[in-house]
């Protein structure tokens, strides 16, 4: 079970020193310390909901969300998230793997998100369209239709059918908010394709 430090301290309130008891439990392996203030009682606890316990507000995006939506063939091991109002990227190495939180423009942060659940724990997840836009936003300066084609199908290894099934109206609505050459090139590329 995932727990905050406050919850654990409340559960251990009957002990003379709840902090000492928590330290003992960590040493015995009864509790796993994930990051400051975040704990788990089982190694098989879900990974994705931990992200919002580490940094909030955030949502799962980038290659992690593309993997979740089964749009890329590789499994991702780092949980990549968009964090609200970050001035620099943050990274946390934990017993559950690496979590990274990346800057995005404030205007796009709340858009195109959906609720998701893993083992009874809820979290925010980028839609496939938003995950693709977030991913491409981080790849700077891609211009031209050939470069976008190579990026989508060679580098990211997306399937043409998956790209064709995206909600391009949603993508057209959110792309201007990123102020990204790469995303503007994506729209130009789409305008020239019949997918």
N, C-alpha and C. Protein backbone atom coordinates (compact mmCIF):
# COMPACT_ATOMS: atom_id res chain seq x y z
N UNK A 1 0.84 -1.18 0.00
CA UNK A 1 0.00 0.00 0.00
C UNK A 1 0.89 1.24 0.00
N UNK A 2 0.53 2.22 -0.80
CA UNK A 2 1.26 3.48 -0.84
C UNK A 2 0.78 4.38 0.29
N UNK A 3 1.74 5.00 0.96
CA UNK A 3 1.38 5.83 2.12
C UNK A 3 2.26 7.07 2.18
N UNK A 4 1.68 8.13 2.72
CA UNK A 4 2.46 9.34 3.00
C UNK A 4 3.05 9.23 4.40
N UNK A 5 4.03 10.05 4.67
CA UNK A 5 4.63 10.07 6.01
C UNK A 5 3.58 10.41 7.06
N UNK A 6 2.70 11.36 6.76
CA UNK A 6 1.66 11.75 7.72
C UNK A 6 0.77 10.57 8.08
N UNK A 7 0.39 9.77 7.09
CA UNK A 7 -0.46 8.61 7.35
C UNK A 7 0.28 7.59 8.22
N UNK A 8 1.53 7.34 7.90
CA UNK A 8 2.30 6.38 8.70
C UNK A 8 2.46 6.88 10.14
N UNK A 9 2.76 8.15 10.30
CA UNK A 9 2.89 8.71 11.66
C UNK A 9 1.58 8.59 12.43
N UNK A 10 0.47 8.77 11.73
CA UNK A 10 -0.83 8.61 12.39
C UNK A 10 -1.03 7.16 12.81
N UNK A 11 -0.68 6.22 11.92
CA UNK A 11 -0.84 4.80 12.24
C UNK A 11 0.07 4.35 13.38
N UNK A 12 1.20 5.02 13.54
CA UNK A 12 2.16 4.66 14.59
C UNK A 12 2.04 5.54 15.84
N UNK A 13 0.97 6.29 15.94
CA UNK A 13 0.82 7.27 17.02
C UNK A 13 0.84 6.66 18.42
N UNK A 14 0.54 5.36 18.55
CA UNK A 14 0.51 4.69 19.85
C UNK A 14 1.92 4.40 20.38
N UNK A 15 2.91 4.41 19.50
CA UNK A 15 4.29 4.14 19.92
C UNK A 15 4.88 5.37 20.59
N UNK A 16 5.80 5.14 21.54
CA UNK A 16 6.45 6.24 22.24
C UNK A 16 7.21 7.13 21.26
N UNK A 17 7.85 6.52 20.27
CA UNK A 17 8.57 7.28 19.24
C UNK A 17 8.19 6.74 17.86
N UNK A 18 7.14 7.31 17.26
CA UNK A 18 6.73 6.85 15.92
C UNK A 18 7.86 6.92 14.88
N UNK A 19 8.72 7.94 14.99
CA UNK A 19 9.83 8.07 14.03
C UNK A 19 10.80 6.90 14.16
N UNK A 20 11.12 6.52 15.39
CA UNK A 20 12.02 5.38 15.61
C UNK A 20 11.39 4.09 15.10
N UNK A 21 10.10 3.92 15.33
CA UNK A 21 9.39 2.72 14.86
C UNK A 21 9.42 2.66 13.34
N UNK A 22 9.22 3.81 12.68
CA UNK A 22 9.27 3.85 11.22
C UNK A 22 10.67 3.45 10.72
N UNK A 23 11.70 3.98 11.35
CA UNK A 23 13.08 3.63 10.98
C UNK A 23 13.30 2.13 11.12
N UNK A 24 12.80 1.54 12.21
CA UNK A 24 12.89 0.09 12.43
C UNK A 24 12.19 -0.68 11.31
N UNK A 25 11.00 -0.24 10.97
CA UNK A 25 10.21 -0.91 9.94
C UNK A 25 10.92 -0.85 8.57
N UNK A 26 11.57 0.27 8.29
CA UNK A 26 12.31 0.40 7.03
C UNK A 26 13.49 -0.57 7.03
N UNK A 27 14.22 -0.64 8.16
CA UNK A 27 15.37 -1.55 8.26
C UNK A 27 14.96 -3.01 8.11
N UNK A 28 13.79 -3.37 8.63
CA UNK A 28 13.30 -4.75 8.55
C UNK A 28 12.68 -5.06 7.18
N UNK A 29 12.49 -4.04 6.36
CA UNK A 29 11.87 -4.25 5.05
C UNK A 29 10.36 -4.28 5.08
N UNK A 30 9.77 -3.89 6.20
CA UNK A 30 8.31 -3.86 6.32
C UNK A 30 7.73 -2.65 5.58
N UNK A 31 8.54 -1.62 5.44
CA UNK A 31 8.15 -0.39 4.75
C UNK A 31 9.29 -0.02 3.80
N UNK A 32 8.93 0.40 2.60
CA UNK A 32 9.93 0.83 1.62
C UNK A 32 9.88 2.34 1.52
N UNK A 33 11.03 2.97 1.74
CA UNK A 33 11.12 4.42 1.61
C UNK A 33 11.31 4.75 0.13
N UNK A 34 10.36 5.45 -0.46
CA UNK A 34 10.43 5.77 -1.89
C UNK A 34 11.18 7.08 -2.09
N UNK A 35 10.65 8.16 -1.58
CA UNK A 35 11.32 9.46 -1.51
C UNK A 35 10.84 10.11 -0.22
N UNK A 36 11.38 11.25 0.07
CA UNK A 36 11.00 11.94 1.31
C UNK A 36 9.47 12.10 1.38
N UNK A 37 8.90 11.53 2.43
CA UNK A 37 7.46 11.66 2.68
C UNK A 37 6.59 10.65 1.97
N UNK A 38 7.17 9.72 1.19
CA UNK A 38 6.39 8.74 0.43
C UNK A 38 6.94 7.34 0.72
N UNK A 39 6.04 6.41 1.05
CA UNK A 39 6.43 5.07 1.45
C UNK A 39 5.51 4.04 0.80
N UNK A 40 5.97 2.79 0.83
CA UNK A 40 5.18 1.68 0.33
C UNK A 40 5.34 0.51 1.28
N UNK A 41 4.31 -0.34 1.30
CA UNK A 41 4.41 -1.53 2.15
C UNK A 41 4.62 -2.80 1.33
N UNK A 42 4.71 -2.65 -0.01
CA UNK A 42 4.91 -3.82 -0.87
C UNK A 42 5.65 -3.44 -2.15
N UNK A 43 6.59 -4.27 -2.55
CA UNK A 43 7.37 -4.01 -3.75
C UNK A 43 6.52 -4.08 -5.02
N UNK A 44 5.37 -4.74 -4.93
CA UNK A 44 4.51 -4.84 -6.12
C UNK A 44 3.42 -3.77 -6.16
N UNK A 45 3.56 -2.73 -5.36
CA UNK A 45 2.63 -1.60 -5.45
C UNK A 45 2.73 -0.98 -6.84
N UNK A 46 1.67 -0.36 -7.32
CA UNK A 46 1.68 0.22 -8.66
C UNK A 46 2.68 1.37 -8.78
N UNK A 47 3.31 1.48 -9.96
CA UNK A 47 4.35 2.50 -10.18
C UNK A 47 3.78 3.86 -10.56
N UNK A 48 2.82 3.89 -11.45
CA UNK A 48 2.38 5.17 -12.01
C UNK A 48 1.75 6.12 -10.99
N UNK A 49 0.90 5.64 -10.07
CA UNK A 49 0.32 6.57 -9.10
C UNK A 49 1.34 7.22 -8.16
N UNK A 50 2.51 6.62 -8.03
CA UNK A 50 3.54 7.18 -7.15
C UNK A 50 3.96 8.56 -7.63
N UNK A 51 3.90 8.79 -8.94
CA UNK A 51 4.37 10.06 -9.50
C UNK A 51 3.71 11.26 -8.84
N UNK A 52 2.40 11.22 -8.67
CA UNK A 52 1.71 12.38 -8.09
C UNK A 52 1.95 12.50 -6.58
N UNK A 53 2.48 11.45 -5.98
CA UNK A 53 2.85 11.54 -4.56
C UNK A 53 4.24 12.18 -4.43
N UNK A 54 5.05 12.05 -5.47
CA UNK A 54 6.39 12.64 -5.45
C UNK A 54 6.34 14.12 -5.77
N UNK A 55 5.58 14.47 -6.83
CA UNK A 55 5.48 15.88 -7.23
C UNK A 55 4.06 16.13 -7.70
N UNK A 56 3.47 17.20 -7.20
CA UNK A 56 2.09 17.50 -7.56
C UNK A 56 1.92 19.00 -7.74
N UNK A 57 1.09 19.42 -8.70
CA UNK A 57 0.35 18.59 -9.65
C UNK A 57 1.23 18.12 -10.80
N UNK A 58 0.90 16.94 -11.29
CA UNK A 58 1.60 16.38 -12.44
C UNK A 58 0.66 15.43 -13.15
N UNK A 59 1.07 15.01 -14.32
CA UNK A 59 0.35 13.94 -15.01
C UNK A 59 1.36 13.10 -15.78
N UNK A 60 1.03 11.84 -16.01
CA UNK A 60 1.88 10.91 -16.75
C UNK A 60 1.80 11.28 -18.23
N UNK A 61 2.96 11.42 -18.87
CA UNK A 61 2.96 11.80 -20.28
C UNK A 61 4.19 11.25 -20.98
N UNK A 62 4.53 11.89 -22.10
CA UNK A 62 5.70 11.56 -22.91
C UNK A 62 5.68 10.08 -23.30
N UNK A 63 6.85 9.46 -23.37
CA UNK A 63 6.92 8.07 -23.81
C UNK A 63 6.19 7.12 -22.86
N UNK A 64 6.10 7.48 -21.58
CA UNK A 64 5.39 6.63 -20.63
C UNK A 64 3.92 6.52 -21.00
N UNK A 65 3.30 7.65 -21.34
CA UNK A 65 1.89 7.62 -21.74
C UNK A 65 1.72 6.96 -23.11
N UNK A 66 2.67 7.20 -24.02
CA UNK A 66 2.59 6.53 -25.33
C UNK A 66 2.67 5.01 -25.15
N UNK A 67 3.50 4.55 -24.24
CA UNK A 67 3.59 3.12 -23.91
C UNK A 67 2.26 2.65 -23.30
N UNK A 68 1.73 3.40 -22.37
CA UNK A 68 0.45 3.06 -21.72
C UNK A 68 -0.65 2.89 -22.76
N UNK A 69 -0.66 3.79 -23.74
CA UNK A 69 -1.68 3.74 -24.82
C UNK A 69 -1.30 2.75 -25.92
N UNK A 70 -0.21 2.03 -25.74
CA UNK A 70 0.29 1.01 -26.67
C UNK A 70 0.56 1.59 -28.06
N UNK A 71 1.17 2.76 -28.08
CA UNK A 71 1.49 3.41 -29.35
C UNK A 71 2.95 3.21 -29.76
N UNK A 72 3.81 2.85 -28.82
CA UNK A 72 5.21 2.61 -29.14
C UNK A 72 5.53 1.16 -28.79
N UNK A 73 6.45 0.55 -29.53
CA UNK A 73 6.73 -0.87 -29.29
C UNK A 73 7.58 -1.14 -28.05
N UNK A 74 8.36 -0.16 -27.62
CA UNK A 74 9.24 -0.39 -26.46
C UNK A 74 8.49 -0.16 -25.16
N UNK A 75 8.88 -0.94 -24.18
CA UNK A 75 8.40 -0.69 -22.82
C UNK A 75 9.26 0.38 -22.20
N UNK A 76 8.63 1.30 -21.49
CA UNK A 76 9.41 2.37 -20.85
C UNK A 76 9.63 2.01 -19.38
N UNK A 77 10.82 2.33 -18.91
CA UNK A 77 11.15 2.02 -17.52
C UNK A 77 11.18 3.27 -16.66
N UNK A 78 11.44 4.40 -17.26
CA UNK A 78 11.38 5.66 -16.54
C UNK A 78 9.96 6.20 -16.64
N UNK A 79 9.40 6.64 -15.53
CA UNK A 79 8.07 7.25 -15.54
C UNK A 79 8.26 8.74 -15.78
N UNK A 80 7.85 9.18 -16.98
CA UNK A 80 8.02 10.58 -17.36
C UNK A 80 6.70 11.32 -17.19
N UNK A 81 6.79 12.47 -16.53
CA UNK A 81 5.60 13.25 -16.21
C UNK A 81 5.80 14.71 -16.60
N UNK A 82 4.70 15.40 -16.78
CA UNK A 82 4.71 16.85 -16.90
C UNK A 82 4.38 17.40 -15.52
N UNK A 83 5.19 18.32 -15.05
CA UNK A 83 4.96 18.94 -13.75
C UNK A 83 4.56 20.39 -13.92
N UNK A 84 3.65 20.85 -13.13
CA UNK A 84 3.14 22.22 -13.27
C UNK A 84 4.13 23.23 -12.70
N UNK A 85 4.38 24.27 -13.49
CA UNK A 85 5.22 25.40 -13.11
C UNK A 85 6.62 25.02 -12.66
N UNK A 86 7.19 24.06 -13.32
CA UNK A 86 8.59 23.71 -13.03
C UNK A 86 9.51 24.72 -13.69
N UNK A 87 10.58 25.09 -13.02
CA UNK A 87 11.58 25.96 -13.63
C UNK A 87 12.73 25.13 -14.20
N UNK A 88 12.87 23.90 -13.71
CA UNK A 88 13.85 22.98 -14.27
C UNK A 88 13.33 21.56 -14.07
N UNK A 89 13.83 20.65 -14.89
CA UNK A 89 13.39 19.26 -14.78
C UNK A 89 13.85 18.68 -13.45
N UNK A 90 13.05 17.76 -12.92
CA UNK A 90 13.39 17.08 -11.66
C UNK A 90 13.43 15.58 -11.92
N UNK A 91 14.37 14.91 -11.26
CA UNK A 91 14.51 13.47 -11.42
C UNK A 91 14.67 12.83 -10.04
N UNK A 92 14.00 11.70 -9.86
CA UNK A 92 14.07 10.96 -8.60
C UNK A 92 14.33 9.49 -8.91
N UNK A 93 15.41 8.95 -8.36
CA UNK A 93 15.69 7.52 -8.47
C UNK A 93 15.15 6.86 -7.21
N UNK A 94 14.24 5.91 -7.37
CA UNK A 94 13.56 5.28 -6.24
C UNK A 94 13.65 3.77 -6.35
N UNK A 95 13.24 3.05 -5.31
CA UNK A 95 13.17 1.60 -5.40
C UNK A 95 12.17 1.11 -6.47
N UNK A 96 11.29 1.99 -6.92
CA UNK A 96 10.30 1.64 -7.95
C UNK A 96 10.73 2.11 -9.33
N UNK A 97 11.94 2.63 -9.45
CA UNK A 97 12.45 3.10 -10.73
C UNK A 97 12.63 4.61 -10.73
N UNK A 98 12.99 5.13 -11.89
CA UNK A 98 13.24 6.56 -12.03
C UNK A 98 11.95 7.28 -12.42
N UNK A 99 11.75 8.44 -11.78
CA UNK A 99 10.63 9.33 -12.09
C UNK A 99 11.23 10.66 -12.50
N UNK A 100 10.75 11.19 -13.62
CA UNK A 100 11.22 12.51 -14.03
C UNK A 100 10.02 13.40 -14.32
N UNK A 101 10.20 14.67 -14.01
CA UNK A 101 9.14 15.67 -14.14
C UNK A 101 9.69 16.79 -15.01
N UNK A 102 8.94 17.12 -16.07
CA UNK A 102 9.43 18.03 -17.09
C UNK A 102 8.53 19.25 -17.22
N UNK A 103 9.16 20.36 -17.61
CA UNK A 103 8.45 21.60 -17.84
C UNK A 103 7.63 21.53 -19.12
N UNK A 104 6.45 22.10 -19.08
CA UNK A 104 5.63 22.38 -20.26
C UNK A 104 5.01 23.76 -20.05
N UNK A 105 4.63 24.46 -21.12
CA UNK A 105 3.97 25.74 -20.94
C UNK A 105 2.70 25.60 -20.08
N UNK A 106 2.50 26.54 -19.18
CA UNK A 106 1.34 26.49 -18.27
C UNK A 106 0.02 26.33 -19.01
N UNK A 107 -0.11 26.97 -20.17
CA UNK A 107 -1.38 26.98 -20.91
C UNK A 107 -1.80 25.58 -21.36
N UNK A 108 -0.85 24.70 -21.61
CA UNK A 108 -1.21 23.35 -22.09
C UNK A 108 -1.35 22.35 -20.95
N UNK A 109 -0.87 22.70 -19.78
CA UNK A 109 -0.83 21.72 -18.68
C UNK A 109 -2.19 21.06 -18.40
N UNK A 110 -3.28 21.81 -18.24
CA UNK A 110 -4.54 21.15 -17.84
C UNK A 110 -5.34 20.51 -18.97
N UNK A 111 -4.87 20.62 -20.21
CA UNK A 111 -5.67 20.17 -21.35
C UNK A 111 -5.42 18.71 -21.71
N UNK A 112 -6.46 18.08 -22.26
CA UNK A 112 -6.38 16.73 -22.83
C UNK A 112 -5.82 15.69 -21.86
N UNK A 113 -6.34 15.70 -20.65
CA UNK A 113 -5.97 14.71 -19.64
C UNK A 113 -7.15 13.79 -19.38
N UNK A 114 -6.86 12.59 -18.92
CA UNK A 114 -7.93 11.66 -18.58
C UNK A 114 -7.59 10.97 -17.27
N UNK A 115 -8.61 10.61 -16.51
CA UNK A 115 -8.32 9.87 -15.28
C UNK A 115 -7.93 8.44 -15.62
N UNK A 116 -7.01 7.89 -14.85
CA UNK A 116 -6.59 6.51 -15.03
C UNK A 116 -6.44 5.88 -13.65
N UNK A 117 -6.37 4.56 -13.63
CA UNK A 117 -6.29 3.85 -12.35
C UNK A 117 -5.37 2.64 -12.50
N UNK A 118 -4.63 2.39 -11.45
CA UNK A 118 -3.78 1.21 -11.38
C UNK A 118 -3.89 0.65 -9.97
N UNK A 119 -4.38 -0.57 -9.86
CA UNK A 119 -4.54 -1.25 -8.56
C UNK A 119 -5.33 -0.42 -7.55
N UNK A 120 -6.34 0.28 -8.03
CA UNK A 120 -7.18 1.07 -7.13
C UNK A 120 -6.67 2.47 -6.83
N UNK A 121 -5.50 2.83 -7.34
CA UNK A 121 -4.94 4.16 -7.14
C UNK A 121 -5.15 4.98 -8.41
N UNK A 122 -5.68 6.18 -8.26
CA UNK A 122 -5.93 7.03 -9.41
C UNK A 122 -4.76 7.93 -9.73
N UNK A 123 -4.67 8.34 -10.99
CA UNK A 123 -3.67 9.30 -11.42
C UNK A 123 -4.15 9.95 -12.71
N UNK A 124 -3.51 11.07 -13.06
CA UNK A 124 -3.84 11.78 -14.30
C UNK A 124 -2.91 11.31 -15.41
N UNK A 125 -3.49 11.12 -16.59
CA UNK A 125 -2.76 10.59 -17.73
C UNK A 125 -3.05 11.45 -18.95
N UNK A 126 -2.02 11.74 -19.72
CA UNK A 126 -2.21 12.45 -20.98
C UNK A 126 -2.92 11.54 -21.96
N UNK A 127 -3.84 12.12 -22.74
CA UNK A 127 -4.43 11.36 -23.84
C UNK A 127 -3.31 11.04 -24.83
N UNK A 128 -3.57 10.16 -25.78
CA UNK A 128 -2.53 9.84 -26.76
C UNK A 128 -2.10 11.07 -27.53
N UNK A 129 -3.07 11.92 -27.85
CA UNK A 129 -2.75 13.14 -28.60
C UNK A 129 -1.85 14.07 -27.80
N UNK A 130 -2.18 14.24 -26.53
CA UNK A 130 -1.39 15.12 -25.67
C UNK A 130 -0.01 14.52 -25.42
N UNK A 131 0.07 13.21 -25.21
CA UNK A 131 1.36 12.55 -24.98
C UNK A 131 2.27 12.73 -26.18
N UNK A 132 1.70 12.63 -27.39
CA UNK A 132 2.50 12.84 -28.60
C UNK A 132 2.97 14.28 -28.68
N UNK A 133 2.08 15.22 -28.44
CA UNK A 133 2.47 16.64 -28.48
C UNK A 133 3.53 16.96 -27.43
N UNK A 134 3.36 16.45 -26.22
CA UNK A 134 4.35 16.69 -25.16
C UNK A 134 5.71 16.13 -25.56
N UNK A 135 5.70 14.93 -26.12
CA UNK A 135 6.95 14.28 -26.54
C UNK A 135 7.64 15.10 -27.63
N UNK A 136 6.87 15.52 -28.61
CA UNK A 136 7.46 16.29 -29.72
C UNK A 136 7.89 17.68 -29.28
N UNK A 137 7.23 18.24 -28.28
CA UNK A 137 7.62 19.55 -27.75
C UNK A 137 9.05 19.51 -27.22
N UNK A 138 9.43 18.38 -26.64
CA UNK A 138 10.77 18.25 -26.06
C UNK A 138 11.85 18.00 -27.11
N UNK A 139 11.43 17.72 -28.35
CA UNK A 139 12.38 17.51 -29.44
C UNK A 139 12.39 18.79 -30.26
N UNK A 140 13.39 19.59 -30.04
CA UNK A 140 13.42 20.95 -30.59
C UNK A 140 13.83 21.02 -32.05
N UNK A 141 13.25 22.01 -32.72
CA UNK A 141 13.74 22.45 -34.02
C UNK A 141 13.60 21.51 -35.19
N UNK A 142 12.65 20.59 -35.14
CA UNK A 142 12.44 19.71 -36.29
C UNK A 142 11.57 20.46 -37.31
N UNK A 143 12.10 20.60 -38.53
CA UNK A 143 11.38 21.32 -39.58
C UNK A 143 11.27 20.44 -40.80
N UNK A 144 10.18 20.57 -41.50
CA UNK A 144 10.02 19.85 -42.76
C UNK A 144 9.27 18.55 -42.60
N UNK A 145 8.55 18.22 -43.65
CA UNK A 145 7.69 17.04 -43.63
C UNK A 145 8.48 15.75 -43.55
N UNK A 146 9.60 15.68 -44.25
CA UNK A 146 10.44 14.47 -44.23
C UNK A 146 11.01 14.25 -42.83
N UNK A 147 11.44 15.33 -42.19
CA UNK A 147 12.00 15.22 -40.83
C UNK A 147 10.94 14.74 -39.85
N UNK A 148 9.71 15.23 -39.97
CA UNK A 148 8.62 14.79 -39.09
C UNK A 148 8.30 13.32 -39.37
N UNK A 149 8.23 12.95 -40.64
CA UNK A 149 7.96 11.57 -41.01
C UNK A 149 9.01 10.63 -40.39
N UNK A 150 10.28 11.00 -40.50
CA UNK A 150 11.36 10.19 -39.92
C UNK A 150 11.24 10.13 -38.40
N UNK A 151 10.93 11.25 -37.78
CA UNK A 151 10.80 11.32 -36.33
C UNK A 151 9.68 10.39 -35.84
N UNK A 152 8.52 10.47 -36.47
CA UNK A 152 7.38 9.68 -36.04
C UNK A 152 7.58 8.18 -36.27
N UNK A 153 8.04 7.83 -37.46
CA UNK A 153 8.02 6.42 -37.85
C UNK A 153 9.36 5.70 -37.72
N UNK A 154 10.46 6.44 -37.73
CA UNK A 154 11.77 5.81 -37.55
C UNK A 154 12.25 5.94 -36.10
N UNK A 155 12.24 7.17 -35.59
CA UNK A 155 12.77 7.40 -34.23
C UNK A 155 11.81 6.90 -33.15
N UNK A 156 10.55 7.37 -33.20
CA UNK A 156 9.58 6.97 -32.18
C UNK A 156 8.94 5.61 -32.49
N UNK A 157 9.05 5.18 -33.75
CA UNK A 157 8.51 3.89 -34.18
C UNK A 157 7.01 3.76 -33.96
N UNK A 158 6.30 4.84 -34.22
CA UNK A 158 4.84 4.82 -34.16
C UNK A 158 4.30 4.13 -35.41
N UNK A 159 3.09 3.63 -35.31
CA UNK A 159 2.43 2.98 -36.44
C UNK A 159 1.57 4.01 -37.18
N UNK A 160 1.55 3.92 -38.49
CA UNK A 160 0.76 4.86 -39.30
C UNK A 160 -0.72 4.80 -38.94
N UNK A 161 -1.23 3.60 -38.65
CA UNK A 161 -2.64 3.48 -38.27
C UNK A 161 -2.93 4.22 -36.96
N UNK A 162 -2.00 4.14 -36.00
CA UNK A 162 -2.18 4.84 -34.73
C UNK A 162 -2.19 6.36 -34.94
N UNK A 163 -1.29 6.84 -35.79
CA UNK A 163 -1.24 8.28 -36.08
C UNK A 163 -2.52 8.71 -36.79
N UNK A 164 -2.98 7.89 -37.70
CA UNK A 164 -4.21 8.20 -38.44
C UNK A 164 -5.45 8.23 -37.56
N UNK A 165 -5.44 7.45 -36.48
CA UNK A 165 -6.62 7.38 -35.61
C UNK A 165 -6.65 8.47 -34.53
N UNK A 166 -5.64 9.31 -34.48
CA UNK A 166 -5.62 10.38 -33.47
C UNK A 166 -6.69 11.43 -33.76
N UNK A 167 -7.09 12.15 -32.73
CA UNK A 167 -8.04 13.26 -32.86
C UNK A 167 -7.24 14.49 -33.31
N UNK A 168 -7.16 14.69 -34.62
CA UNK A 168 -6.34 15.79 -35.16
C UNK A 168 -6.96 17.16 -34.90
N UNK A 169 -8.25 17.21 -34.66
CA UNK A 169 -8.88 18.49 -34.29
C UNK A 169 -8.36 18.93 -32.92
N UNK A 170 -8.28 17.99 -31.98
CA UNK A 170 -7.72 18.29 -30.65
C UNK A 170 -6.27 18.74 -30.79
N UNK A 171 -5.49 18.01 -31.57
CA UNK A 171 -4.09 18.37 -31.76
C UNK A 171 -3.97 19.78 -32.35
N UNK A 172 -4.80 20.08 -33.35
CA UNK A 172 -4.79 21.42 -33.97
C UNK A 172 -5.13 22.50 -32.97
N UNK A 173 -6.01 22.19 -32.01
CA UNK A 173 -6.41 23.18 -31.00
C UNK A 173 -5.30 23.45 -29.99
N UNK A 174 -4.54 22.41 -29.62
CA UNK A 174 -3.55 22.62 -28.55
C UNK A 174 -2.15 22.98 -29.04
N UNK A 175 -1.81 22.63 -30.28
CA UNK A 175 -0.46 22.90 -30.79
C UNK A 175 -0.05 24.36 -30.67
N UNK A 176 -0.90 25.36 -31.01
CA UNK A 176 -0.46 26.76 -30.90
C UNK A 176 -0.05 27.18 -29.49
N UNK A 177 -0.57 26.49 -28.48
CA UNK A 177 -0.25 26.85 -27.09
C UNK A 177 1.17 26.46 -26.69
N UNK A 178 1.78 25.56 -27.43
CA UNK A 178 3.15 25.11 -27.13
C UNK A 178 4.21 26.08 -27.66
N UNK A 179 3.89 26.82 -28.72
CA UNK A 179 4.87 27.70 -29.38
C UNK A 179 6.12 26.89 -29.77
N UNK A 180 5.87 25.82 -30.55
CA UNK A 180 6.93 24.87 -30.89
C UNK A 180 7.06 24.71 -32.40
N UNK A 181 8.26 24.89 -32.89
CA UNK A 181 8.54 24.67 -34.31
C UNK A 181 8.23 23.23 -34.71
N UNK A 182 8.63 22.28 -33.88
CA UNK A 182 8.41 20.87 -34.18
C UNK A 182 6.91 20.57 -34.29
N UNK A 183 6.12 21.08 -33.37
CA UNK A 183 4.68 20.81 -33.40
C UNK A 183 4.00 21.53 -34.57
N UNK A 184 4.46 22.72 -34.89
CA UNK A 184 3.92 23.40 -36.07
C UNK A 184 4.25 22.60 -37.33
N UNK A 185 5.43 22.02 -37.37
CA UNK A 185 5.82 21.17 -38.51
C UNK A 185 4.94 19.93 -38.57
N UNK A 186 4.55 19.40 -37.40
CA UNK A 186 3.66 18.25 -37.35
C UNK A 186 2.33 18.57 -38.03
N UNK A 187 1.77 19.75 -37.75
CA UNK A 187 0.50 20.13 -38.37
C UNK A 187 0.65 20.30 -39.88
N UNK A 188 1.76 20.88 -40.30
CA UNK A 188 2.01 21.02 -41.75
C UNK A 188 2.13 19.65 -42.39
N UNK A 189 2.84 18.75 -41.71
CA UNK A 189 3.00 17.37 -42.21
C UNK A 189 1.64 16.71 -42.35
N UNK A 190 0.79 16.84 -41.33
CA UNK A 190 -0.54 16.22 -41.36
C UNK A 190 -1.36 16.79 -42.50
N UNK A 191 -1.26 18.10 -42.75
CA UNK A 191 -2.01 18.73 -43.83
C UNK A 191 -1.66 18.18 -45.20
N UNK A 192 -0.45 17.63 -45.31
CA UNK A 192 0.00 17.11 -46.62
C UNK A 192 -0.24 15.61 -46.76
N UNK A 193 -0.73 14.97 -45.69
CA UNK A 193 -0.90 13.52 -45.70
C UNK A 193 -2.37 13.15 -45.74
N UNK A 194 -2.63 11.98 -46.24
CA UNK A 194 -3.99 11.44 -46.23
C UNK A 194 -3.95 10.17 -45.39
N UNK A 195 -3.88 10.38 -44.06
CA UNK A 195 -3.81 9.21 -43.16
C UNK A 195 -5.05 9.11 -42.31
